[in-house]
Amino acid sequence: MNFNTVLTDYRTYLLAQQKSKHTVNNFLADVIRCLTQLSSKSLDLITASDIDHFLVSFSTKVDGTAKNANTMNRTKTAIRSFFGWACNSHLIAVSPAEHLRLKRVDRLPPVYLTDTEEHQLLLTVQNHATDIHAQRDYAILQLLLNTGIRVAELTQIDLVDIDGKHLIIRKQKGGNPIRKFLPSVARQVITEYITGERSKYESQSQSKALFLNQQGERMNPRAIQFLTQKWVKLAGIDKPITPHKLRHTFATSLYSKSHDILVVQKALGHRNITHTQIYAHISDQSLETAMENRVSVFQP
């Protein structure tokens, strides 16, 4: 049995299930790691005990500390998925990973910007309007904060994807292109960017991308990460804010204003509402804190 062929077929299966590129790469890495350690056995001879021994060895870092539960859960999920697929594909008779169970992990509340911090961040960029790429960066931050799109989706936006009041997301995680509402403030700053800084590249760049780097090429996620951290630091915000944390900010703010978890679910494109409910918990915590800290005029 050729493992390379098997892995190629498994990758095709994952893509057919509309798994994101990130998920596919992580699953393949975990499966390859497992099969490499168990390479002395053919696929059909691997047992549940072999899987357990691999997981025990994998669970410890080089420095001797244990890997976190999320990492182990992902690895277990990948291995169970692979052997389940191999069984359904008649490559093996029984899956040796069927017994694997995930450890329950309490989700930590996501880090996000308060309304005051969001205003502080955007004002900082405005106050540096003469800086190179400030207009582009302002448009990027406004788009992230007002739509909640993922950074990978943002970097794939082309000029033609700005369609009036809507934004076409052509490479949404795990799905087909969708139309997302574009709030007026985001439309305005994007229009100003296109007619301003973006227009300077028209004669020298053939790129269709909305957001360009200094070479007139499509920006990558790492560049978006860098500019986000740059402006957060200049704004004096002492939080580990990343582009994805701006997505958390959008969701938290949207729920606090709408109090409708289904609206937030739709805005984020979550298939499972359990992924969205964390934002309701954040809002509840904020409410409890505000009520607890309120000083009543009737307090003796």
C-alpha atoms as a PDB file:
ATOM      1  CA  MET A   1       0.000   0.000   0.000  1.00  0.00           C
ATOM      2  CA  ASN A   2       1.462   3.342  -1.079  1.00  0.00           C
ATOM      3  CA  PHE A   3       1.105   5.810   1.796  1.00  0.00           C
ATOM      4  CA  ASN A   4       1.599   8.819  -0.507  1.00  0.00           C
ATOM      5  CA  THR A   5      -1.329   7.721  -2.644  1.00  0.00           C
ATOM      6  CA  VAL A   6      -3.429   7.074   0.460  1.00  0.00           C
ATOM      7  CA  LEU A   7      -2.650  10.534   1.856  1.00  0.00           C
ATOM      8  CA  THR A   8      -3.424  12.175  -1.481  1.00  0.00           C
ATOM      9  CA  ASP A   9      -6.799  10.424  -1.573  1.00  0.00           C
ATOM     10  CA  TYR A  10      -7.487  11.407   2.038  1.00  0.00           C
ATOM     11  CA  ARG A  11      -6.633  15.023   1.249  1.00  0.00           C
ATOM     12  CA  THR A  12      -9.100  14.934  -1.640  1.00  0.00           C
ATOM     13  CA  TYR A  13     -11.737  13.569   0.741  1.00  0.00           C
ATOM     14  CA  LEU A  14     -11.161  16.419   3.205  1.00  0.00           C
ATOM     15  CA  LEU A  15     -11.425  19.014   0.456  1.00  0.00           C
ATOM     16  CA  ALA A  16     -14.628  17.371  -0.797  1.00  0.00           C
ATOM     17  CA  GLN A  17     -15.996  17.786   2.746  1.00  0.00           C
ATOM     18  CA  GLN A  18     -15.306  21.538   2.346  1.00  0.00           C
ATOM     19  CA  LYS A  19     -12.691  21.600   5.070  1.00  0.00           C
ATOM     20  CA  SER A  20     -10.626  24.771   5.061  1.00  0.00           C
ATOM     21  CA  LYS A  21      -7.043  24.685   3.763  1.00  0.00           C
ATOM     22  CA  HIS A  22      -5.848  25.315   7.310  1.00  0.00           C
ATOM     23  CA  THR A  23      -7.792  22.323   8.651  1.00  0.00           C
ATOM     24  CA  VAL A  24      -6.647  20.077   5.800  1.00  0.00           C
ATOM     25  CA  ASN A  25      -2.991  20.943   6.408  1.00  0.00           C
ATOM     26  CA  ASN A  26      -3.282  20.379  10.163  1.00  0.00           C
ATOM     27  CA  PHE A  27      -5.066  17.046   9.752  1.00  0.00           C
ATOM     28  CA  LEU A  28      -2.506  15.809   7.231  1.00  0.00           C
ATOM     29  CA  ALA A  29       0.384  16.875   9.468  1.00  0.00           C
ATOM     30  CA  ASP A  30      -1.090  14.974  12.415  1.00  0.00           C
ATOM     31  CA  VAL A  31      -1.787  11.857  10.340  1.00  0.00           C
ATOM     32  CA  ILE A  32       1.672  11.887   8.756  1.00  0.00           C
ATOM     33  CA  ARG A  33       3.242  12.225  12.217  1.00  0.00           C
ATOM     34  CA  CYS A  34       1.275   9.216  13.431  1.00  0.00           C
ATOM     35  CA  LEU A  35       1.963   7.039  10.372  1.00  0.00           C
ATOM     36  CA  THR A  36       5.662   7.930  10.427  1.00  0.00           C
ATOM     37  CA  GLN A  37       6.005   6.667  14.004  1.00  0.00           C
ATOM     38  CA  LEU A  38       4.060   3.529  13.105  1.00  0.00           C
ATOM     39  CA  SER A  39       5.792   3.010   9.741  1.00  0.00           C
ATOM     40  CA  SER A  40       6.979  -0.477  10.703  1.00  0.00           C
ATOM     41  CA  LYS A  41       3.387  -1.660  10.306  1.00  0.00           C
ATOM     42  CA  SER A  42       1.111  -1.692   7.309  1.00  0.00           C
ATOM     43  CA  LEU A  43      -2.073   0.343   7.625  1.00  0.00           C
ATOM     44  CA  ASP A  44      -4.304  -2.693   8.129  1.00  0.00           C
ATOM     45  CA  LEU A  45      -2.158  -4.008  11.016  1.00  0.00           C
ATOM     46  CA  ILE A  46      -2.184  -0.838  13.132  1.00  0.00           C
ATOM     47  CA  THR A  47      -4.055  -1.465  16.392  1.00  0.00           C
ATOM     48  CA  ALA A  48      -5.786   0.697  18.973  1.00  0.00           C
ATOM     49  CA  SER A  49      -2.814   0.072  21.268  1.00  0.00           C
ATOM     50  CA  ASP A  50      -0.447   1.444  18.600  1.00  0.00           C
ATOM     51  CA  ILE A  51      -2.542   4.596  18.381  1.00  0.00           C
ATOM     52  CA  ASP A  52      -2.492   4.985  22.168  1.00  0.00           C
ATOM     53  CA  HIS A  53       1.295   4.605  22.299  1.00  0.00           C
ATOM     54  CA  PHE A  54       1.686   7.269  19.620  1.00  0.00           C
ATOM     55  CA  LEU A  55      -0.595   9.681  21.494  1.00  0.00           C
ATOM     56  CA  VAL A  56       1.307   9.140  24.746  1.00  0.00           C
ATOM     57  CA  SER A  57       4.638   9.975  23.071  1.00  0.00           C
ATOM     58  CA  PHE A  58       3.118  12.914  21.199  1.00  0.00           C
ATOM     59  CA  SER A  59       1.506  14.406  24.320  1.00  0.00           C
ATOM     60  CA  THR A  60       4.807  15.617  25.767  1.00  0.00           C
ATOM     61  CA  LYS A  61       6.811  18.597  24.496  1.00  0.00           C
ATOM     62  CA  VAL A  62      10.583  18.584  24.084  1.00  0.00           C
ATOM     63  CA  ASP A  63      10.974  20.367  27.432  1.00  0.00           C
ATOM     64  CA  GLY A  64       8.971  17.650  29.182  1.00  0.00           C
ATOM     65  CA  THR A  65       5.771  19.636  29.705  1.00  0.00           C
ATOM     66  CA  ALA A  66       2.412  18.371  28.504  1.00  0.00           C
ATOM     67  CA  LYS A  67       0.829  19.643  25.315  1.00  0.00           C
ATOM     68  CA  ASN A  68      -2.436  21.466  25.806  1.00  0.00           C
ATOM     69  CA  ALA A  69      -5.787  19.729  25.515  1.00  0.00           C
ATOM     70  CA  ASN A  70      -6.760  21.592  22.340  1.00  0.00           C
ATOM     71  CA  THR A  71      -3.698  20.272  20.498  1.00  0.00           C
ATOM     72  CA  MET A  72      -4.365  16.723  21.665  1.00  0.00           C
ATOM     73  CA  ASN A  73      -8.047  16.965  20.744  1.00  0.00           C
ATOM     74  CA  ARG A  74      -7.176  18.141  17.248  1.00  0.00           C
ATOM     75  CA  THR A  75      -4.693  15.300  16.797  1.00  0.00           C
ATOM     76  CA  LYS A  76      -7.212  12.729  18.024  1.00  0.00           C
ATOM     77  CA  THR A  77      -9.850  14.150  15.687  1.00  0.00           C
ATOM     78  CA  ALA A  78      -7.467  13.982  12.728  1.00  0.00           C
ATOM     79  CA  ILE A  79      -6.439  10.396  13.452  1.00  0.00           C
ATOM     80  CA  ARG A  80     -10.017   9.253  14.030  1.00  0.00           C
ATOM     81  CA  SER A  81     -11.081  10.992  10.808  1.00  0.00           C
ATOM     82  CA  PHE A  82      -8.291   9.374   8.784  1.00  0.00           C
ATOM     83  CA  PHE A  83      -8.841   5.818   9.979  1.00  0.00           C
ATOM     84  CA  GLY A  84     -12.609   6.238   9.707  1.00  0.00           C
ATOM     85  CA  TRP A  85     -12.127   7.295   6.082  1.00  0.00           C
ATOM     86  CA  ALA A  86      -9.712   4.397   5.479  1.00  0.00           C
ATOM     87  CA  CYS A  87     -12.304   1.972   6.861  1.00  0.00           C
ATOM     88  CA  ASN A  88     -15.111   3.418   4.707  1.00  0.00           C
ATOM     89  CA  SER A  89     -12.778   3.261   1.706  1.00  0.00           C
ATOM     90  CA  HIS A  90     -12.178  -0.459   2.400  1.00  0.00           C
ATOM     91  CA  LEU A  91      -8.456   0.049   2.947  1.00  0.00           C
ATOM     92  CA  ILE A  92      -8.807  -1.500   6.421  1.00  0.00           C
ATOM     93  CA  ALA A  93     -11.488  -3.687   7.966  1.00  0.00           C
ATOM     94  CA  VAL A  94     -11.897  -1.858  11.288  1.00  0.00           C
ATOM     95  CA  SER A  95     -10.772   1.569  12.486  1.00  0.00           C
ATOM     96  CA  PRO A  96      -8.193   1.325  15.313  1.00  0.00           C
ATOM     97  CA  ALA A  97      -9.037   4.900  16.339  1.00  0.00           C
ATOM     98  CA  GLU A  98     -12.737   4.453  17.009  1.00  0.00           C
ATOM     99  CA  HIS A  99     -12.123   4.378  20.766  1.00  0.00           C
ATOM    100  CA  LEU A 100     -10.563   7.838  20.926  1.00  0.00           C
ATOM    101  CA  ARG A 101     -12.456  10.378  23.005  1.00  0.00           C
ATOM    102  CA  LEU A 102     -11.889  14.121  23.224  1.00  0.00           C
ATOM    103  CA  LYS A 103     -11.201  15.878  26.495  1.00  0.00           C
ATOM    104  CA  ARG A 104     -13.674  18.552  27.471  1.00  0.00           C
ATOM    105  CA  VAL A 105     -12.007  21.963  27.352  1.00  0.00           C
ATOM    106  CA  ASP A 106     -13.530  25.095  28.821  1.00  0.00           C
ATOM    107  CA  ARG A 107     -13.305  27.843  26.224  1.00  0.00           C
ATOM    108  CA  LEU A 108     -11.622  30.993  27.474  1.00  0.00           C
ATOM    109  CA  PRO A 109     -13.432  34.235  26.694  1.00  0.00           C
ATOM    110  CA  PRO A 110     -11.880  35.729  23.549  1.00  0.00           C
ATOM    111  CA  VAL A 111      -9.833  38.907  23.766  1.00  0.00           C
ATOM    112  CA  TYR A 112     -11.526  41.906  22.154  1.00  0.00           C
ATOM    113  CA  LEU A 113     -11.462  45.700  22.062  1.00  0.00           C
ATOM    114  CA  THR A 114     -13.920  47.724  24.087  1.00  0.00           C
ATOM    115  CA  ASP A 115     -15.811  50.495  22.295  1.00  0.00           C
ATOM    116  CA  THR A 116     -13.385  53.022  23.783  1.00  0.00           C
ATOM    117  CA  GLU A 117     -10.341  51.043  22.642  1.00  0.00           C
ATOM    118  CA  GLU A 118     -11.796  50.613  19.156  1.00  0.00           C
ATOM    119  CA  HIS A 119     -12.318  54.371  18.900  1.00  0.00           C
ATOM    120  CA  GLN A 120      -8.788  54.923  20.218  1.00  0.00           C
ATOM    121  CA  LEU A 121      -7.316  52.591  17.592  1.00  0.00           C
ATOM    122  CA  LEU A 122      -9.103  54.206  14.652  1.00  0.00           C
ATOM    123  CA  LEU A 123      -8.373  57.724  15.910  1.00  0.00           C
ATOM    124  CA  THR A 124      -4.679  56.865  16.125  1.00  0.00           C
ATOM    125  CA  VAL A 125      -4.617  55.900  12.443  1.00  0.00           C
ATOM    126  CA  GLN A 126      -6.499  59.084  11.523  1.00  0.00           C
ATOM    127  CA  ASN A 127      -3.992  61.155  13.477  1.00  0.00           C
ATOM    128  CA  HIS A 128      -1.215  59.633  11.359  1.00  0.00           C
ATOM    129  CA  ALA A 129      -2.988  60.254   8.053  1.00  0.00           C
ATOM    130  CA  THR A 130       0.205  61.433   6.362  1.00  0.00           C
ATOM    131  CA  ASP A 131       2.039  58.170   7.140  1.00  0.00           C
ATOM    132  CA  ILE A 132       2.654  55.826   4.235  1.00  0.00           C
ATOM    133  CA  HIS A 133      -0.248  53.382   3.774  1.00  0.00           C
ATOM    134  CA  ALA A 134      -2.259  54.995   6.593  1.00  0.00           C
ATOM    135  CA  GLN A 135      -5.298  55.311   4.305  1.00  0.00           C
ATOM    136  CA  ARG A 136      -5.054  51.651   3.296  1.00  0.00           C
ATOM    137  CA  ASP A 137      -4.537  50.487   6.875  1.00  0.00           C
ATOM    138  CA  TYR A 138      -7.493  52.561   8.060  1.00  0.00           C
ATOM    139  CA  ALA A 139      -9.704  50.932   5.423  1.00  0.00           C
ATOM    140  CA  ILE A 140      -8.475  47.467   6.430  1.00  0.00           C
ATOM    141  CA  LEU A 141      -9.141  48.032  10.122  1.00  0.00           C
ATOM    142  CA  GLN A 142     -12.576  49.501   9.423  1.00  0.00           C
ATOM    143  CA  LEU A 143     -13.442  46.535   7.227  1.00  0.00           C
ATOM    144  CA  LEU A 144     -12.340  43.995   9.848  1.00  0.00           C
ATOM    145  CA  LEU A 145     -14.128  45.818  12.661  1.00  0.00           C
ATOM    146  CA  ASN A 146     -17.364  46.402  10.746  1.00  0.00           C
ATOM    147  CA  THR A 147     -17.819  43.054   8.983  1.00  0.00           C
ATOM    148  CA  GLY A 148     -16.026  40.486  11.152  1.00  0.00           C
ATOM    149  CA  ILE A 149     -14.479  38.802   8.114  1.00  0.00           C
ATOM    150  CA  ARG A 150     -11.443  36.591   8.542  1.00  0.00           C
ATOM    151  CA  VAL A 151      -8.026  37.886   7.537  1.00  0.00           C
ATOM    152  CA  ALA A 152      -7.675  35.143   4.890  1.00  0.00           C
ATOM    153  CA  GLU A 153     -10.960  36.315   3.377  1.00  0.00           C
ATOM    154  CA  LEU A 154      -9.846  39.948   3.444  1.00  0.00           C
ATOM    155  CA  THR A 155      -6.644  39.262   1.521  1.00  0.00           C
ATOM    156  CA  GLN A 156      -8.629  37.518  -1.241  1.00  0.00           C
ATOM    157  CA  ILE A 157     -10.933  40.483  -1.909  1.00  0.00           C
ATOM    158  CA  ASP A 158     -10.660  41.911  -5.428  1.00  0.00           C
ATOM    159  CA  LEU A 159     -11.811  45.322  -6.602  1.00  0.00           C
ATOM    160  CA  VAL A 160     -14.786  43.735  -8.364  1.00  0.00           C
ATOM    161  CA  ASP A 161     -15.909  42.194  -5.063  1.00  0.00           C
ATOM    162  CA  ILE A 162     -17.082  45.577  -3.797  1.00  0.00           C
ATOM    163  CA  ASP A 163     -20.658  45.463  -5.057  1.00  0.00           C
ATOM    164  CA  GLY A 164     -22.536  48.522  -3.828  1.00  0.00           C
ATOM    165  CA  LYS A 165     -23.771  47.787  -0.318  1.00  0.00           C
ATOM    166  CA  HIS A 166     -22.347  44.288  -0.409  1.00  0.00           C
ATOM    167  CA  LEU A 167     -18.990  42.575  -0.278  1.00  0.00           C
ATOM    168  CA  ILE A 168     -18.410  39.313  -2.123  1.00  0.00           C
ATOM    169  CA  ILE A 169     -16.418  36.840  -0.044  1.00  0.00           C
ATOM    170  CA  ARG A 170     -15.143  34.323  -2.576  1.00  0.00           C
ATOM    171  CA  LYS A 171     -13.022  32.135  -0.314  1.00  0.00           C
ATOM    172  CA  GLN A 172     -14.955  31.886   2.898  1.00  0.00           C
ATOM    173  CA  LYS A 173     -13.755  29.178   5.294  1.00  0.00           C
ATOM    174  CA  GLY A 174     -15.391  25.878   4.410  1.00  0.00           C
ATOM    175  CA  GLY A 175     -17.939  27.316   2.019  1.00  0.00           C
ATOM    176  CA  ASN A 176     -18.924  28.924  -1.262  1.00  0.00           C
ATOM    177  CA  PRO A 177     -18.821  32.636  -2.150  1.00  0.00           C
ATOM    178  CA  ILE A 178     -21.288  34.728  -0.171  1.00  0.00           C
ATOM    179  CA  ARG A 179     -22.598  38.290  -0.190  1.00  0.00           C
ATOM    180  CA  LYS A 180     -21.953  40.149   3.045  1.00  0.00           C
ATOM    181  CA  PHE A 181     -23.528  43.488   3.945  1.00  0.00           C
ATOM    182  CA  LEU A 182     -21.048  46.355   3.912  1.00  0.00           C
ATOM    183  CA  PRO A 183     -21.945  49.073   6.444  1.00  0.00           C
ATOM    184  CA  SER A 184     -21.888  52.661   5.207  1.00  0.00           C
ATOM    185  CA  VAL A 185     -18.794  53.645   7.213  1.00  0.00           C
ATOM    186  CA  ALA A 186     -16.829  50.782   5.651  1.00  0.00           C
ATOM    187  CA  ARG A 187     -18.118  51.637   2.162  1.00  0.00           C
ATOM    188  CA  GLN A 188     -16.993  55.226   2.586  1.00  0.00           C
ATOM    189  CA  VAL A 189     -13.425  54.511   3.715  1.00  0.00           C
ATOM    190  CA  ILE A 190     -12.980  51.826   1.045  1.00  0.00           C
ATOM    191  CA  THR A 191     -14.168  54.230  -1.650  1.00  0.00           C
ATOM    192  CA  GLU A 192     -11.756  56.867  -0.364  1.00  0.00           C
ATOM    193  CA  TYR A 193      -8.925  54.326  -0.383  1.00  0.00           C
ATOM    194  CA  ILE A 194      -9.722  53.146  -3.932  1.00  0.00           C
ATOM    195  CA  THR A 195      -9.838  56.694  -5.309  1.00  0.00           C
ATOM    196  CA  GLY A 196      -6.887  57.736  -3.175  1.00  0.00           C
ATOM    197  CA  GLU A 197      -3.916  55.508  -2.319  1.00  0.00           C
ATOM    198  CA  ARG A 198      -5.098  52.505  -4.383  1.00  0.00           C
ATOM    199  CA  SER A 199      -5.390  54.585  -7.579  1.00  0.00           C
ATOM    200  CA  LYS A 200      -1.654  55.377  -7.489  1.00  0.00           C
ATOM    201  CA  TYR A 201      -0.871  51.760  -8.351  1.00  0.00           C
ATOM    202  CA  GLU A 202      -3.144  51.479 -11.402  1.00  0.00           C
ATOM    203  CA  SER A 203      -0.412  52.349 -13.885  1.00  0.00           C
ATOM    204  CA  GLN A 204       2.222  50.029 -12.413  1.00  0.00           C
ATOM    205  CA  SER A 205       0.246  47.099 -11.043  1.00  0.00           C
ATOM    206  CA  GLN A 206      -1.859  44.501 -12.831  1.00  0.00           C
ATOM    207  CA  SER A 207      -3.164  43.077  -9.565  1.00  0.00           C
ATOM    208  CA  LYS A 208      -6.937  42.845  -9.161  1.00  0.00           C
ATOM    209  CA  ALA A 209      -6.603  42.782  -5.378  1.00  0.00           C
ATOM    210  CA  LEU A 210      -8.305  45.471  -3.327  1.00  0.00           C
ATOM    211  CA  PHE A 211      -5.467  45.824  -0.837  1.00  0.00           C
ATOM    212  CA  LEU A 212      -1.940  46.112  -2.187  1.00  0.00           C
ATOM    213  CA  ASN A 213       1.480  46.222  -0.581  1.00  0.00           C
ATOM    214  CA  GLN A 214       4.223  48.703  -1.464  1.00  0.00           C
ATOM    215  CA  GLN A 215       5.188  46.608  -4.497  1.00  0.00           C
ATOM    216  CA  GLY A 216       1.658  46.776  -5.865  1.00  0.00           C
ATOM    217  CA  GLU A 217       1.014  43.108  -5.046  1.00  0.00           C
ATOM    218  CA  ARG A 218      -1.777  41.435  -3.119  1.00  0.00           C
ATOM    219  CA  MET A 219      -1.205  41.618   0.633  1.00  0.00           C
ATOM    220  CA  ASN A 220      -0.822  38.391   2.601  1.00  0.00           C
ATOM    221  CA  PRO A 221      -2.219  37.560   6.069  1.00  0.00           C
ATOM    222  CA  ARG A 222       1.138  38.149   7.735  1.00  0.00           C
ATOM    223  CA  ALA A 223       1.202  41.734   6.477  1.00  0.00           C
ATOM    224  CA  ILE A 224      -2.292  42.325   7.890  1.00  0.00           C
ATOM    225  CA  GLN A 225      -1.127  40.861  11.207  1.00  0.00           C
ATOM    226  CA  PHE A 226       1.875  43.188  11.257  1.00  0.00           C
ATOM    227  CA  LEU A 227      -0.049  46.374  10.506  1.00  0.00           C
ATOM    228  CA  THR A 228      -2.694  45.502  13.112  1.00  0.00           C
ATOM    229  CA  GLN A 229      -0.068  45.072  15.817  1.00  0.00           C
ATOM    230  CA  LYS A 230       1.678  48.263  14.694  1.00  0.00           C
ATOM    231  CA  TRP A 231      -1.409  50.448  15.097  1.00  0.00           C
ATOM    232  CA  VAL A 232      -2.519  48.751  18.323  1.00  0.00           C
ATOM    233  CA  LYS A 233       0.888  49.518  19.830  1.00  0.00           C
ATOM    234  CA  LEU A 234       0.805  53.130  18.628  1.00  0.00           C
ATOM    235  CA  ALA A 235      -2.666  53.469  20.157  1.00  0.00           C
ATOM    236  CA  GLY A 236      -1.259  52.406  23.521  1.00  0.00           C
ATOM    237  CA  ILE A 237      -3.590  49.428  23.820  1.00  0.00           C
ATOM    238  CA  ASP A 238      -2.056  46.795  26.080  1.00  0.00           C
ATOM    239  CA  LYS A 239      -3.802  43.728  24.685  1.00  0.00           C
ATOM    240  CA  PRO A 240      -2.596  40.928  22.363  1.00  0.00           C
ATOM    241  CA  ILE A 241      -4.778  42.127  19.508  1.00  0.00           C
ATOM    242  CA  THR A 242      -4.579  40.305  16.173  1.00  0.00           C
ATOM    243  CA  PRO A 243      -6.819  40.546  13.084  1.00  0.00           C
ATOM    244  CA  HIS A 244      -8.837  37.623  14.464  1.00  0.00           C
ATOM    245  CA  LYS A 245      -9.302  39.511  17.742  1.00  0.00           C
ATOM    246  CA  LEU A 246     -10.916  42.269  15.666  1.00  0.00           C
ATOM    247  CA  ARG A 247     -13.405  39.624  14.507  1.00  0.00           C
ATOM    248  CA  HIS A 248     -14.097  38.929  18.191  1.00  0.00           C
ATOM    249  CA  THR A 249     -14.540  42.672  18.704  1.00  0.00           C
ATOM    250  CA  PHE A 250     -17.092  42.853  15.890  1.00  0.00           C
ATOM    251  CA  ALA A 251     -19.066  39.897  17.242  1.00  0.00           C
ATOM    252  CA  THR A 252     -19.032  41.092  20.850  1.00  0.00           C
ATOM    253  CA  SER A 253     -20.141  44.586  19.878  1.00  0.00           C
ATOM    254  CA  LEU A 254     -22.835  43.268  17.533  1.00  0.00           C
ATOM    255  CA  TYR A 255     -24.327  41.081  20.250  1.00  0.00           C
ATOM    256  CA  SER A 256     -24.221  43.836  22.868  1.00  0.00           C
ATOM    257  CA  LYS A 257     -26.220  46.074  20.498  1.00  0.00           C
ATOM    258  CA  SER A 258     -28.619  43.477  19.055  1.00  0.00           C
ATOM    259  CA  HIS A 259     -28.926  40.940  21.905  1.00  0.00           C
ATOM    260  CA  ASP A 260     -29.720  38.431  19.158  1.00  0.00           C
ATOM    261  CA  ILE A 261     -27.315  35.496  19.002  1.00  0.00           C
ATOM    262  CA  LEU A 262     -28.788  34.352  15.673  1.00  0.00           C
ATOM    263  CA  VAL A 263     -27.869  37.696  14.103  1.00  0.00           C
ATOM    264  CA  VAL A 264     -24.283  37.253  15.287  1.00  0.00           C
ATOM    265  CA  GLN A 265     -24.208  33.662  14.045  1.00  0.00           C
ATOM    266  CA  LYS A 266     -25.304  34.748  10.582  1.00  0.00           C
ATOM    267  CA  ALA A 267     -22.902  37.690  10.521  1.00  0.00           C
ATOM    268  CA  LEU A 268     -19.946  35.444  11.396  1.00  0.00           C
ATOM    269  CA  GLY A 269     -21.025  32.614   9.100  1.00  0.00           C
ATOM    270  CA  HIS A 270     -20.957  30.028  11.893  1.00  0.00           C
ATOM    271  CA  ARG A 271     -22.635  26.748  11.006  1.00  0.00           C
ATOM    272  CA  ASN A 272     -22.938  25.726  14.636  1.00  0.00           C
ATOM    273  CA  ILE A 273     -24.425  28.236  17.064  1.00  0.00           C
ATOM    274  CA  THR A 274     -22.390  26.787  19.945  1.00  0.00           C
ATOM    275  CA  HIS A 275     -19.381  28.547  18.386  1.00  0.00           C
ATOM    276  CA  THR A 276     -21.260  31.839  18.645  1.00  0.00           C
ATOM    277  CA  GLN A 277     -22.604  31.540  22.173  1.00  0.00           C
ATOM    278  CA  ILE A 278     -19.313  32.626  23.749  1.00  0.00           C
ATOM    279  CA  TYR A 279     -20.147  36.194  22.735  1.00  0.00           C
ATOM    280  CA  ALA A 280     -23.398  36.062  24.676  1.00  0.00           C
ATOM    281  CA  HIS A 281     -21.420  34.986  27.745  1.00  0.00           C
ATOM    282  CA  ILE A 282     -19.069  37.939  27.322  1.00  0.00           C
ATOM    283  CA  SER A 283     -21.996  40.323  27.174  1.00  0.00           C
ATOM    284  CA  ASP A 284     -23.490  38.747  30.300  1.00  0.00           C
ATOM    285  CA  GLN A 285     -20.179  39.147  32.111  1.00  0.00           C
ATOM    286  CA  SER A 286     -19.987  42.809  31.092  1.00  0.00           C
ATOM    287  CA  LEU A 287     -23.525  43.353  32.361  1.00  0.00           C
ATOM    288  CA  GLU A 288     -22.770  41.666  35.676  1.00  0.00           C
ATOM    289  CA  THR A 289     -19.597  43.714  36.121  1.00  0.00           C
ATOM    290  CA  ALA A 290     -21.402  46.954  35.340  1.00  0.00           C
ATOM    291  CA  MET A 291     -24.193  46.144  37.787  1.00  0.00           C
ATOM    292  CA  GLU A 292     -21.767  45.054  40.489  1.00  0.00           C
ATOM    293  CA  ASN A 293     -19.700  48.220  40.148  1.00  0.00           C
ATOM    294  CA  ARG A 294     -22.698  50.538  40.020  1.00  0.00           C
ATOM    295  CA  VAL A 295     -22.817  52.857  42.996  1.00  0.00           C
ATOM    296  CA  SER A 296     -26.407  53.432  44.074  1.00  0.00           C
ATOM    297  CA  VAL A 297     -27.362  56.886  45.312  1.00  0.00           C
ATOM    298  CA  PHE A 298     -29.455  55.129  47.949  1.00  0.00           C
ATOM    299  CA  GLN A 299     -26.535  53.078  49.262  1.00  0.00           C
ATOM    300  CA  PRO A 300     -26.216  53.686  53.029  1.00  0.00           C
END
